[in-house]
Amino acid sequence: MTLTELKYIVAVARARHFGHAAEACFVAQPTLSVAIKKLEDELGVTLFERGGSEVSVTPLGAQIVAQAERVLEQTAAIKELAKQNKDPLSGPLRLGVIYTIGPYLLPPLVKNLIANVPQMPLVLQENFTVKLLDLLRQGELDAAIMALPLPEHGMAVQALYDEPFVVAMPKNHPWATRTEIAAEDLKSETMLLLGAGHCFRDQVLEVCPEMARFSSSPGNGMQRTFEGSSLETIRHMVASGIGLTVLPRASVPDMKDPNGMLTFVPFQDPVPSRRVVIVWRKSFTRRAAIDAVVKAVADCGLPGVEMVTLQAAA
């Protein structure tokens, strides 16, 4: 039994597909399949039910995969322990960021870290929340910046900032002269939202109950809902007059930009918002590196956000 084989079975269990798992592990599918068959023969058990387009995990296989995940996490912890006597700020930090935060936080964050801890370069990855949590569990990432709420994760968490939402509309929209907008008013508008899989979409639907209610009830309020792949794509669609959208405040550098094609209006109290946090494995020993990222985020001066200081929590 090898750590590589354990990594392969975890990848297959997550992807439910041998080909996709092989791609995630950067190996050829036959290599992965042979290694898993070798492990099954060694253990004398069947880990996966093969057949059809999707692979399923056997009940015993699920228990073994869960144990393999713990072994891989502990292996990563051993590597981290070996670095304890070295400078925790020396060497790369593998940092994940969700798509709706990365474009607005990373430019000033990277600049701050280069200035303050040049010996700790960032290795960055943007992805969905669920994928980033998987990479953290597998030891492929050291930390990730995402937004609450999170699925069950078992990680350490520290709050970074609270970010209000704002409504974006074309310059010539009748609401452009308003000073604030009630969430319930959005039910009468054509709304543009991110597609499924983006946590910001879920956050918008959660904190704007009227949008959630009417987007799921065709013909009973909200006219239509269009989906986009990124906030910048949606921003351009709004500028073209297709509809309105909700944006995180940090994505709007200037709420009063006179030369832009969009108008941004705050929400009426209670203002919907999201809490942005940094997440890392509890076994990760370079706490000074996490603290350096937290400080660098606080120094970014993101527009419209309120920094928070909380103790790390499970």
Protein backbone atom coordinates (compact mmCIF):
# COMPACT_ATOMS: atom_id res chain seq x y z
CA MET A 1 0.00 0.00 0.00
CA THR A 2 1.37 3.42 -0.96
CA LEU A 3 0.37 7.03 -0.35
CA THR A 4 -0.04 7.41 -4.11
CA GLU A 5 -2.62 4.62 -4.17
CA LEU A 6 -4.49 6.25 -1.29
CA LYS A 7 -4.45 9.55 -3.18
CA TYR A 8 -5.89 7.79 -6.25
CA ILE A 9 -8.80 6.19 -4.39
CA VAL A 10 -9.69 9.50 -2.73
CA ALA A 11 -9.66 11.19 -6.15
CA VAL A 12 -11.94 8.54 -7.68
CA ALA A 13 -14.33 8.73 -4.73
CA ARG A 14 -14.61 12.50 -5.19
CA ALA A 15 -14.87 12.52 -8.99
CA ARG A 16 -16.99 9.34 -9.31
CA HIS A 17 -15.12 8.85 -12.58
CA PHE A 18 -11.76 7.19 -13.30
CA GLY A 19 -10.89 9.50 -16.18
CA HIS A 20 -11.62 12.69 -14.27
CA ALA A 21 -9.75 11.38 -11.24
CA ALA A 22 -6.71 10.60 -13.40
CA GLU A 23 -6.77 14.14 -14.77
CA ALA A 24 -6.94 15.56 -11.25
CA CYS A 25 -3.91 13.45 -10.26
CA PHE A 26 -2.02 14.30 -13.49
CA VAL A 27 -1.58 10.67 -14.51
CA ALA A 28 -2.87 8.50 -17.33
CA GLN A 29 -6.11 6.66 -16.61
CA PRO A 30 -4.56 3.19 -17.09
CA THR A 31 -1.90 4.07 -14.50
CA LEU A 32 -4.56 5.07 -11.97
CA SER A 33 -6.80 2.09 -12.73
CA VAL A 34 -3.94 -0.43 -12.39
CA ALA A 35 -2.84 1.12 -9.07
CA ILE A 36 -6.36 0.95 -7.62
CA LYS A 37 -6.85 -2.64 -8.79
CA LYS A 38 -3.50 -3.52 -7.14
CA LEU A 39 -4.70 -1.98 -3.87
CA GLU A 40 -8.03 -3.80 -4.06
CA ASP A 41 -6.20 -7.10 -4.63
CA GLU A 42 -3.87 -6.40 -1.71
CA LEU A 43 -6.77 -5.62 0.62
CA GLY A 44 -9.00 -8.33 -0.77
CA VAL A 45 -11.97 -5.96 -1.10
CA THR A 46 -13.83 -4.10 -3.82
CA LEU A 47 -13.62 -0.34 -3.30
CA PHE A 48 -15.63 0.81 -6.33
CA GLU A 49 -18.57 -0.52 -8.30
CA ARG A 50 -17.63 -0.12 -11.94
CA GLY A 51 -20.32 0.16 -14.58
CA GLY A 52 -22.17 2.84 -16.49
CA SER A 53 -20.93 6.39 -16.78
CA GLU A 54 -20.46 6.91 -13.03
CA VAL A 55 -18.39 4.97 -10.53
CA SER A 56 -19.93 4.34 -7.11
CA VAL A 57 -18.12 3.65 -3.85
CA THR A 58 -18.96 0.43 -2.01
CA PRO A 59 -19.99 0.76 1.67
CA LEU A 60 -16.66 -0.69 2.83
CA GLY A 61 -14.88 1.39 0.21
CA ALA A 62 -16.39 4.55 1.70
CA GLN A 63 -14.90 3.70 5.10
CA ILE A 64 -11.49 3.00 3.57
CA VAL A 65 -11.58 6.23 1.56
CA ALA A 66 -12.43 8.19 4.72
CA GLN A 67 -9.44 6.61 6.47
CA ALA A 68 -7.24 7.34 3.44
CA GLU A 69 -8.22 11.03 3.64
CA ARG A 70 -7.11 11.11 7.28
CA VAL A 71 -3.82 9.40 6.40
CA LEU A 72 -3.10 11.91 3.64
CA GLU A 73 -3.89 14.83 5.96
CA GLN A 74 -1.58 13.43 8.62
CA THR A 75 1.11 12.93 6.00
CA ALA A 76 0.84 16.61 5.11
CA ALA A 77 1.05 17.41 8.83
CA ILE A 78 4.33 15.46 9.09
CA LYS A 79 5.79 17.57 6.30
CA GLU A 80 4.65 20.71 8.09
CA LEU A 81 6.17 19.55 11.38
CA ALA A 82 9.50 19.15 9.62
CA LYS A 83 9.35 22.88 8.83
CA GLN A 84 8.69 24.00 12.40
CA ASN A 85 12.33 24.84 13.08
CA LYS A 86 12.50 26.89 9.91
CA ASP A 87 11.08 30.33 9.26
CA PRO A 88 7.27 29.90 8.83
CA LEU A 89 7.31 32.92 6.54
CA SER A 90 9.95 31.37 4.29
CA GLY A 91 8.75 29.46 1.25
CA PRO A 92 5.61 29.52 -0.89
CA LEU A 93 2.11 29.65 0.57
CA ARG A 94 -0.53 27.89 -1.53
CA LEU A 95 -3.61 30.07 -1.28
CA GLY A 96 -7.04 29.45 -2.79
CA VAL A 97 -9.63 32.16 -3.40
CA ILE A 98 -13.22 31.90 -4.63
CA TYR A 99 -14.03 33.45 -7.99
CA THR A 100 -16.11 36.36 -6.65
CA ILE A 101 -13.32 37.55 -4.34
CA GLY A 102 -10.13 36.87 -6.31
CA PRO A 103 -10.27 39.63 -8.97
CA TYR A 104 -10.80 42.37 -6.37
CA LEU A 105 -8.69 41.17 -3.43
CA LEU A 106 -5.70 39.48 -5.04
CA PRO A 107 -4.05 42.48 -6.80
CA PRO A 108 -3.62 44.55 -3.61
CA LEU A 109 -3.04 41.45 -1.47
CA VAL A 110 -0.17 40.17 -3.61
CA LYS A 111 1.35 43.66 -3.71
CA ASN A 112 1.21 43.94 0.09
CA LEU A 113 2.75 40.52 0.65
CA ILE A 114 5.56 41.17 -1.82
CA ALA A 115 6.36 44.37 0.08
CA ASN A 116 6.15 42.87 3.58
CA VAL A 117 7.12 39.19 3.23
CA PRO A 118 8.93 38.81 -0.10
CA GLN A 119 10.35 35.48 1.09
CA MET A 120 6.82 34.01 1.06
CA PRO A 121 5.53 34.01 -2.53
CA LEU A 122 1.90 33.06 -3.10
CA VAL A 123 0.89 30.14 -5.27
CA LEU A 124 -2.67 31.11 -6.17
CA GLN A 125 -5.71 29.18 -7.32
CA GLU A 126 -9.23 30.46 -7.96
CA ASN A 127 -12.03 27.93 -7.69
CA PHE A 128 -15.43 27.13 -6.21
CA THR A 129 -15.81 26.84 -2.43
CA VAL A 130 -16.40 23.07 -2.44
CA LYS A 131 -13.37 22.44 -4.64
CA LEU A 132 -11.11 24.63 -2.49
CA LEU A 133 -12.19 22.74 0.64
CA ASP A 134 -11.37 19.45 -1.11
CA LEU A 135 -7.90 20.75 -2.02
CA LEU A 136 -7.35 21.86 1.57
CA ARG A 137 -8.29 18.41 2.90
CA GLN A 138 -5.94 16.76 0.40
CA GLY A 139 -3.07 19.04 1.39
CA GLU A 140 -2.93 20.62 -2.08
CA LEU A 141 -3.64 24.07 -0.58
CA ASP A 142 -2.41 25.62 2.66
CA ALA A 143 -5.25 28.13 3.11
CA ALA A 144 -8.23 29.54 1.24
CA ILE A 145 -10.23 32.75 1.33
CA MET A 146 -13.98 32.26 0.92
CA ALA A 147 -17.31 33.46 2.27
CA LEU A 148 -19.69 32.12 4.89
CA PRO A 149 -21.73 30.00 5.15
CA LEU A 150 -19.56 26.97 4.46
CA PRO A 151 -20.46 23.28 4.22
CA GLU A 152 -19.17 20.99 6.96
CA HIS A 153 -15.39 21.26 6.80
CA GLY A 154 -13.56 20.66 10.11
CA MET A 155 -11.09 23.46 9.37
CA ALA A 156 -9.80 26.41 11.38
CA VAL A 157 -11.50 29.67 10.40
CA GLN A 158 -10.74 33.34 11.01
CA ALA A 159 -12.95 36.21 9.90
CA LEU A 160 -11.44 38.86 7.63
CA TYR A 161 -14.16 41.36 6.72
CA ASP A 162 -17.87 41.92 6.22
CA GLU A 163 -18.87 42.99 2.72
CA PRO A 164 -22.25 44.58 1.91
CA PHE A 165 -24.04 43.99 -1.39
CA VAL A 166 -25.12 46.72 -3.79
CA VAL A 167 -27.54 46.84 -6.73
CA ALA A 168 -26.07 47.57 -10.18
CA MET A 169 -28.21 48.96 -13.01
CA PRO A 170 -27.81 50.83 -16.32
CA LYS A 171 -27.27 54.59 -16.07
CA ASN A 172 -30.69 55.31 -17.60
CA HIS A 173 -32.67 53.00 -15.31
CA PRO A 174 -35.62 54.67 -13.50
CA TRP A 175 -34.10 53.67 -10.15
CA ALA A 176 -30.77 55.36 -10.91
CA THR A 177 -31.71 58.42 -8.84
CA ARG A 178 -32.68 56.40 -5.74
CA THR A 179 -30.54 56.63 -2.62
CA GLU A 180 -31.36 53.05 -1.56
CA ILE A 181 -33.33 50.01 -2.72
CA ALA A 182 -35.38 47.47 -0.77
CA ALA A 183 -34.60 43.81 -1.54
CA GLU A 184 -38.30 43.12 -2.14
CA ASP A 185 -38.35 45.64 -5.02
CA LEU A 186 -36.09 43.38 -7.07
CA LYS A 187 -38.90 40.90 -7.65
CA SER A 188 -40.31 43.17 -10.35
CA GLU A 189 -37.04 43.37 -12.29
CA THR A 190 -35.13 41.18 -14.71
CA MET A 191 -32.22 39.89 -12.64
CA LEU A 192 -28.83 38.62 -13.76
CA LEU A 193 -27.19 36.12 -11.39
CA LEU A 194 -24.15 33.87 -11.39
CA GLY A 195 -24.76 30.29 -12.47
CA ALA A 196 -25.12 27.28 -10.19
CA GLY A 197 -21.97 26.36 -8.28
CA HIS A 198 -21.04 29.93 -7.38
CA CYS A 199 -21.51 30.50 -3.66
CA PHE A 200 -22.19 34.20 -4.25
CA ARG A 201 -25.35 33.25 -6.13
CA ASP A 202 -26.51 31.24 -3.11
CA GLN A 203 -25.58 34.08 -0.77
CA VAL A 204 -27.56 36.59 -2.82
CA LEU A 205 -30.61 34.31 -2.88
CA GLU A 206 -30.23 33.69 0.86
CA VAL A 207 -29.92 37.31 1.98
CA CYS A 208 -32.47 38.62 -0.52
CA PRO A 209 -35.51 36.46 0.32
CA GLU A 210 -37.68 38.11 -2.31
CA MET A 211 -35.23 37.10 -5.04
CA ALA A 212 -35.11 33.52 -3.76
CA ARG A 213 -38.89 33.27 -3.56
CA PHE A 214 -39.68 34.70 -6.95
CA SER A 215 -36.78 33.18 -8.86
CA SER A 216 -38.18 29.77 -7.93
CA SER A 217 -41.78 30.70 -8.78
CA PRO A 218 -42.01 31.46 -12.52
CA GLY A 219 -44.68 33.96 -13.43
CA ASN A 220 -45.23 35.01 -9.82
CA GLY A 221 -43.17 38.18 -9.57
CA MET A 222 -39.60 38.34 -10.83
CA GLN A 223 -39.81 38.66 -14.61
CA ARG A 224 -36.82 36.59 -15.66
CA THR A 225 -33.46 35.43 -14.36
CA PHE A 226 -30.39 35.23 -16.59
CA GLU A 227 -27.21 33.44 -15.47
CA GLY A 228 -23.63 34.48 -16.19
CA SER A 229 -20.26 32.80 -15.69
CA SER A 230 -18.54 35.70 -13.92
CA LEU A 231 -19.36 38.98 -12.22
CA GLU A 232 -17.56 40.91 -14.95
CA THR A 233 -19.65 39.22 -17.65
CA ILE A 234 -22.81 40.08 -15.74
CA ARG A 235 -21.60 43.66 -15.26
CA HIS A 236 -21.30 44.09 -19.03
CA MET A 237 -24.72 42.53 -19.56
CA VAL A 238 -26.24 45.00 -17.13
CA ALA A 239 -24.51 47.88 -18.91
CA SER A 240 -26.12 46.74 -22.17
CA GLY A 241 -29.57 47.14 -20.60
CA ILE A 242 -30.53 43.48 -20.15
CA GLY A 243 -31.39 43.81 -16.47
CA LEU A 244 -30.10 44.44 -12.94
CA THR A 245 -27.72 42.52 -10.71
CA VAL A 246 -26.39 42.37 -7.17
CA LEU A 247 -22.64 42.82 -6.65
CA PRO A 248 -20.28 42.53 -3.66
CA ARG A 249 -19.18 46.01 -2.61
CA ALA A 250 -15.45 45.37 -3.11
CA SER A 251 -16.09 44.85 -6.82
CA VAL A 252 -17.28 48.49 -7.10
CA PRO A 253 -14.31 50.84 -6.71
CA ASP A 254 -16.42 53.99 -7.10
CA MET A 255 -20.13 54.06 -6.26
CA LYS A 256 -20.44 57.51 -7.88
CA ASP A 257 -18.41 57.03 -11.07
CA PRO A 258 -19.80 59.73 -13.42
CA ASN A 259 -18.11 58.29 -16.50
CA GLY A 260 -19.23 54.66 -16.19
CA MET A 261 -22.17 52.94 -17.86
CA LEU A 262 -23.58 51.65 -14.56
CA THR A 263 -25.22 53.15 -11.51
CA PHE A 264 -24.74 51.50 -8.12
CA VAL A 265 -27.32 51.92 -5.36
CA PRO A 266 -27.03 50.61 -1.76
CA PHE A 267 -29.63 48.36 -0.21
CA GLN A 268 -32.10 49.57 2.37
CA ASP A 269 -31.51 48.40 5.95
CA PRO A 270 -31.01 45.64 6.83
CA VAL A 271 -28.30 45.66 4.17
CA PRO A 272 -27.51 42.14 2.85
CA SER A 273 -23.85 41.23 3.18
CA ARG A 274 -21.41 38.34 3.40
CA ARG A 275 -18.60 37.55 5.83
CA VAL A 276 -15.28 36.74 4.15
CA VAL A 277 -12.98 34.36 6.05
CA ILE A 278 -9.67 32.57 5.71
CA VAL A 279 -9.73 28.79 6.23
CA TRP A 280 -6.86 26.38 6.87
CA ARG A 281 -6.25 22.86 8.15
CA LYS A 282 -5.92 22.63 11.92
CA SER A 283 -2.74 20.62 11.39
CA PHE A 284 -1.11 23.44 9.40
CA THR A 285 1.81 24.66 11.53
CA ARG A 286 2.77 27.88 9.74
CA ARG A 287 0.41 30.09 11.75
CA ALA A 288 2.68 33.09 11.20
CA ALA A 289 2.01 32.76 7.47
CA ILE A 290 -1.75 32.88 8.08
CA ASP A 291 -1.30 35.93 10.29
CA ALA A 292 0.73 37.62 7.55
CA VAL A 293 -2.09 37.07 5.05
CA VAL A 294 -4.68 38.37 7.54
CA LYS A 295 -2.64 41.55 8.09
CA ALA A 296 -2.10 42.01 4.36
CA VAL A 297 -5.85 41.71 3.72
CA ALA A 298 -6.52 44.33 6.40
CA ASP A 299 -4.07 46.67 4.67
CA CYS A 300 -5.68 46.26 1.22
CA GLY A 301 -8.20 49.06 1.76
CA LEU A 302 -10.99 47.28 -0.08
CA PRO A 303 -13.81 49.75 -0.80
CA GLY A 304 -16.91 49.58 1.37
CA VAL A 305 -15.93 46.60 3.52
CA GLU A 306 -15.69 46.48 7.32
CA MET A 307 -12.69 44.63 8.73
CA VAL A 308 -13.34 42.27 11.63
CA THR A 309 -10.99 40.74 14.18
CA LEU A 310 -11.97 37.37 15.60
CA GLN A 311 -10.08 34.52 17.20
CA ALA A 312 -9.56 31.43 15.08
CA ALA A 313 -12.41 28.95 15.49
CA ALA A 314 -13.27 25.46 14.37
